[in-house]
Amino acid sequence: MPDTPDDLPAGLSSSARRALTRKGYTRLDQLTQVPESELYCMHGMGAKAIGQLRVALAARGQGLAEEADH
C-alpha cells in the first residue's frame, strides 16, 4: 500500500499522535474500526485527544467503532 498523508487533526498532541502511529493508525478513516475503549488503553491518549478525534470524524460523517458486547 502506498504511503498516504497523515490526516489526523492538526491540534492533536504529539503524545497522542505517537500513540496512534505506534499502533499503525495514521489516517482518520482507520479509526472508524477502533472502539473508544481501545484508544483509552493507549499510553498518551486521553479524553481531550479522543474528543478531537471524535469531532474530526464527525465532520466527515464518521465515528469511532461501536464497543463490542461481551
N, C-alpha and C. Protein backbone atom coordinates (compact mmCIF):
# COMPACT_ATOMS: atom_id res chain seq x y z
N MET A 1 0.85 -1.18 0.00
CA MET A 1 0.00 0.00 0.00
C MET A 1 0.89 1.24 0.00
N PRO A 2 0.63 2.20 -0.87
CA PRO A 2 1.47 3.38 -0.92
C PRO A 2 1.28 4.24 0.33
N ASP A 3 2.31 5.02 0.64
CA ASP A 3 2.20 5.93 1.77
C ASP A 3 1.11 6.95 1.49
N THR A 4 0.34 7.26 2.53
CA THR A 4 -0.69 8.28 2.40
C THR A 4 -0.40 9.36 3.43
N PRO A 5 -0.82 10.58 3.15
CA PRO A 5 -0.53 11.64 4.11
C PRO A 5 -1.29 11.44 5.42
N ASP A 6 -0.67 11.88 6.49
CA ASP A 6 -1.27 11.87 7.82
C ASP A 6 -2.41 12.89 7.80
N ASP A 7 -3.63 12.49 8.09
CA ASP A 7 -4.74 13.44 8.13
C ASP A 7 -5.36 13.53 9.53
N LEU A 8 -4.55 13.21 10.54
CA LEU A 8 -5.01 13.34 11.91
C LEU A 8 -5.17 14.83 12.22
N PRO A 9 -6.03 15.19 13.17
CA PRO A 9 -6.26 16.62 13.46
C PRO A 9 -4.96 17.36 13.80
N ALA A 10 -4.83 18.56 13.27
CA ALA A 10 -3.62 19.36 13.46
C ALA A 10 -3.36 19.67 14.94
N GLY A 11 -4.40 19.85 15.73
CA GLY A 11 -4.23 20.21 17.13
C GLY A 11 -3.98 19.04 18.05
N LEU A 12 -3.89 17.84 17.50
CA LEU A 12 -3.67 16.65 18.31
C LEU A 12 -2.28 16.70 18.94
N SER A 13 -2.19 16.40 20.23
CA SER A 13 -0.90 16.47 20.93
C SER A 13 0.08 15.48 20.32
N SER A 14 1.36 15.79 20.49
CA SER A 14 2.38 14.89 19.94
C SER A 14 2.35 13.53 20.63
N SER A 15 2.02 13.49 21.92
CA SER A 15 1.96 12.19 22.61
C SER A 15 0.80 11.34 22.08
N ALA A 16 -0.33 11.97 21.80
CA ALA A 16 -1.47 11.23 21.24
C ALA A 16 -1.15 10.78 19.81
N ARG A 17 -0.52 11.63 19.05
CA ARG A 17 -0.14 11.28 17.67
C ARG A 17 0.83 10.09 17.68
N ARG A 18 1.81 10.11 18.59
CA ARG A 18 2.76 8.99 18.70
C ARG A 18 2.04 7.71 19.10
N ALA A 19 1.10 7.82 20.04
CA ALA A 19 0.35 6.64 20.48
C ALA A 19 -0.37 5.99 19.30
N LEU A 20 -0.98 6.81 18.47
CA LEU A 20 -1.70 6.29 17.30
C LEU A 20 -0.74 5.68 16.28
N THR A 21 0.34 6.39 15.98
CA THR A 21 1.25 5.88 14.95
C THR A 21 1.97 4.62 15.41
N ARG A 22 2.23 4.48 16.72
CA ARG A 22 2.83 3.24 17.23
C ARG A 22 1.93 2.04 16.93
N LYS A 23 0.63 2.26 16.92
CA LYS A 23 -0.33 1.18 16.62
C LYS A 23 -0.64 1.08 15.13
N GLY A 24 -0.03 1.96 14.32
CA GLY A 24 -0.23 1.91 12.88
C GLY A 24 -1.36 2.77 12.36
N TYR A 25 -1.93 3.61 13.21
CA TYR A 25 -3.02 4.49 12.78
C TYR A 25 -2.47 5.85 12.38
N THR A 26 -2.54 6.15 11.09
CA THR A 26 -2.05 7.43 10.59
C THR A 26 -3.12 8.22 9.86
N ARG A 27 -4.29 7.60 9.66
CA ARG A 27 -5.38 8.27 8.95
C ARG A 27 -6.67 8.15 9.76
N LEU A 28 -7.48 9.20 9.69
CA LEU A 28 -8.75 9.20 10.42
C LEU A 28 -9.63 8.02 10.04
N ASP A 29 -9.70 7.69 8.77
CA ASP A 29 -10.61 6.62 8.35
C ASP A 29 -10.27 5.28 9.01
N GLN A 30 -9.02 5.09 9.41
CA GLN A 30 -8.64 3.85 10.11
C GLN A 30 -9.31 3.76 11.47
N LEU A 31 -9.60 4.90 12.07
CA LEU A 31 -10.15 4.92 13.43
C LEU A 31 -11.63 4.55 13.46
N THR A 32 -12.27 4.45 12.32
CA THR A 32 -13.67 4.02 12.30
C THR A 32 -13.79 2.55 12.69
N GLN A 33 -12.66 1.85 12.73
CA GLN A 33 -12.64 0.44 13.12
C GLN A 33 -12.14 0.24 14.56
N VAL A 34 -11.91 1.35 15.27
CA VAL A 34 -11.32 1.29 16.61
C VAL A 34 -12.32 1.79 17.65
N PRO A 35 -12.65 0.98 18.65
CA PRO A 35 -13.56 1.47 19.69
C PRO A 35 -12.83 2.44 20.64
N GLU A 36 -13.60 3.33 21.23
CA GLU A 36 -13.04 4.32 22.15
C GLU A 36 -12.25 3.67 23.28
N SER A 37 -12.73 2.55 23.79
CA SER A 37 -12.04 1.88 24.90
C SER A 37 -10.62 1.48 24.51
N GLU A 38 -10.40 1.11 23.26
CA GLU A 38 -9.06 0.76 22.80
C GLU A 38 -8.16 1.99 22.78
N LEU A 39 -8.72 3.13 22.37
CA LEU A 39 -7.94 4.36 22.36
C LEU A 39 -7.50 4.74 23.77
N TYR A 40 -8.41 4.61 24.73
CA TYR A 40 -8.08 4.95 26.12
C TYR A 40 -6.97 4.06 26.68
N CYS A 41 -6.80 2.88 26.14
CA CYS A 41 -5.75 1.96 26.62
C CYS A 41 -4.36 2.33 26.09
N MET A 42 -4.30 3.22 25.11
CA MET A 42 -3.02 3.61 24.53
C MET A 42 -2.35 4.66 25.41
N HIS A 43 -1.09 4.42 25.74
CA HIS A 43 -0.32 5.39 26.51
C HIS A 43 -0.19 6.68 25.69
N GLY A 44 -0.60 7.80 26.27
CA GLY A 44 -0.52 9.08 25.58
C GLY A 44 -1.87 9.58 25.08
N MET A 45 -2.87 8.73 25.13
CA MET A 45 -4.21 9.12 24.69
C MET A 45 -5.06 9.47 25.91
N GLY A 46 -5.77 10.57 25.83
CA GLY A 46 -6.65 10.97 26.92
C GLY A 46 -7.96 11.49 26.37
N ALA A 47 -8.79 11.98 27.26
CA ALA A 47 -10.12 12.44 26.89
C ALA A 47 -10.08 13.58 25.86
N LYS A 48 -9.14 14.51 26.03
CA LYS A 48 -9.06 15.63 25.09
C LYS A 48 -8.75 15.14 23.67
N ALA A 49 -7.74 14.29 23.54
CA ALA A 49 -7.33 13.78 22.23
C ALA A 49 -8.46 12.96 21.59
N ILE A 50 -9.11 12.13 22.39
CA ILE A 50 -10.19 11.31 21.86
C ILE A 50 -11.35 12.21 21.43
N GLY A 51 -11.61 13.25 22.18
CA GLY A 51 -12.63 14.21 21.78
C GLY A 51 -12.30 14.88 20.45
N GLN A 52 -11.03 15.24 20.26
CA GLN A 52 -10.60 15.85 19.00
C GLN A 52 -10.80 14.87 17.84
N LEU A 53 -10.50 13.62 18.07
CA LEU A 53 -10.68 12.61 17.02
C LEU A 53 -12.16 12.42 16.70
N ARG A 54 -13.00 12.41 17.75
CA ARG A 54 -14.45 12.27 17.53
C ARG A 54 -14.99 13.43 16.70
N VAL A 55 -14.56 14.66 17.02
CA VAL A 55 -15.01 15.84 16.28
C VAL A 55 -14.56 15.77 14.82
N ALA A 56 -13.30 15.39 14.60
CA ALA A 56 -12.77 15.30 13.23
C ALA A 56 -13.51 14.24 12.43
N LEU A 57 -13.80 13.11 13.06
CA LEU A 57 -14.55 12.05 12.37
C LEU A 57 -15.98 12.50 12.08
N ALA A 58 -16.61 13.15 13.05
CA ALA A 58 -17.99 13.61 12.87
C ALA A 58 -18.10 14.60 11.72
N ALA A 59 -17.08 15.42 11.53
CA ALA A 59 -17.07 16.38 10.43
C ALA A 59 -17.10 15.67 9.08
N ARG A 60 -16.68 14.42 9.06
CA ARG A 60 -16.70 13.61 7.84
C ARG A 60 -17.91 12.68 7.79
N GLY A 61 -18.77 12.78 8.79
CA GLY A 61 -19.91 11.88 8.86
C GLY A 61 -19.54 10.48 9.32
N GLN A 62 -18.43 10.37 10.05
CA GLN A 62 -17.93 9.09 10.53
C GLN A 62 -17.85 9.11 12.05
N GLY A 63 -17.50 7.99 12.62
CA GLY A 63 -17.33 7.90 14.06
C GLY A 63 -16.45 6.73 14.42
N LEU A 64 -16.13 6.65 15.70
CA LEU A 64 -15.35 5.51 16.19
C LEU A 64 -16.20 4.25 16.12
N ALA A 65 -15.54 3.11 16.16
CA ALA A 65 -16.25 1.83 16.11
C ALA A 65 -17.11 1.66 17.35
N GLU A 66 -18.19 0.92 17.20
CA GLU A 66 -19.05 0.59 18.33
C GLU A 66 -18.30 -0.36 19.25
N GLU A 67 -18.57 -0.23 20.55
CA GLU A 67 -17.97 -1.14 21.52
C GLU A 67 -18.58 -2.54 21.33
N ALA A 68 -17.76 -3.56 21.42
CA ALA A 68 -18.25 -4.94 21.28
C ALA A 68 -18.93 -5.35 22.58
N ASP A 69 -20.05 -6.04 22.46
CA ASP A 69 -20.74 -6.58 23.63
C ASP A 69 -20.07 -7.90 24.00
N HIS A 70 -19.82 -8.07 25.29
CA HIS A 70 -19.18 -9.32 25.73
C HIS A 70 -20.16 -10.14 26.51
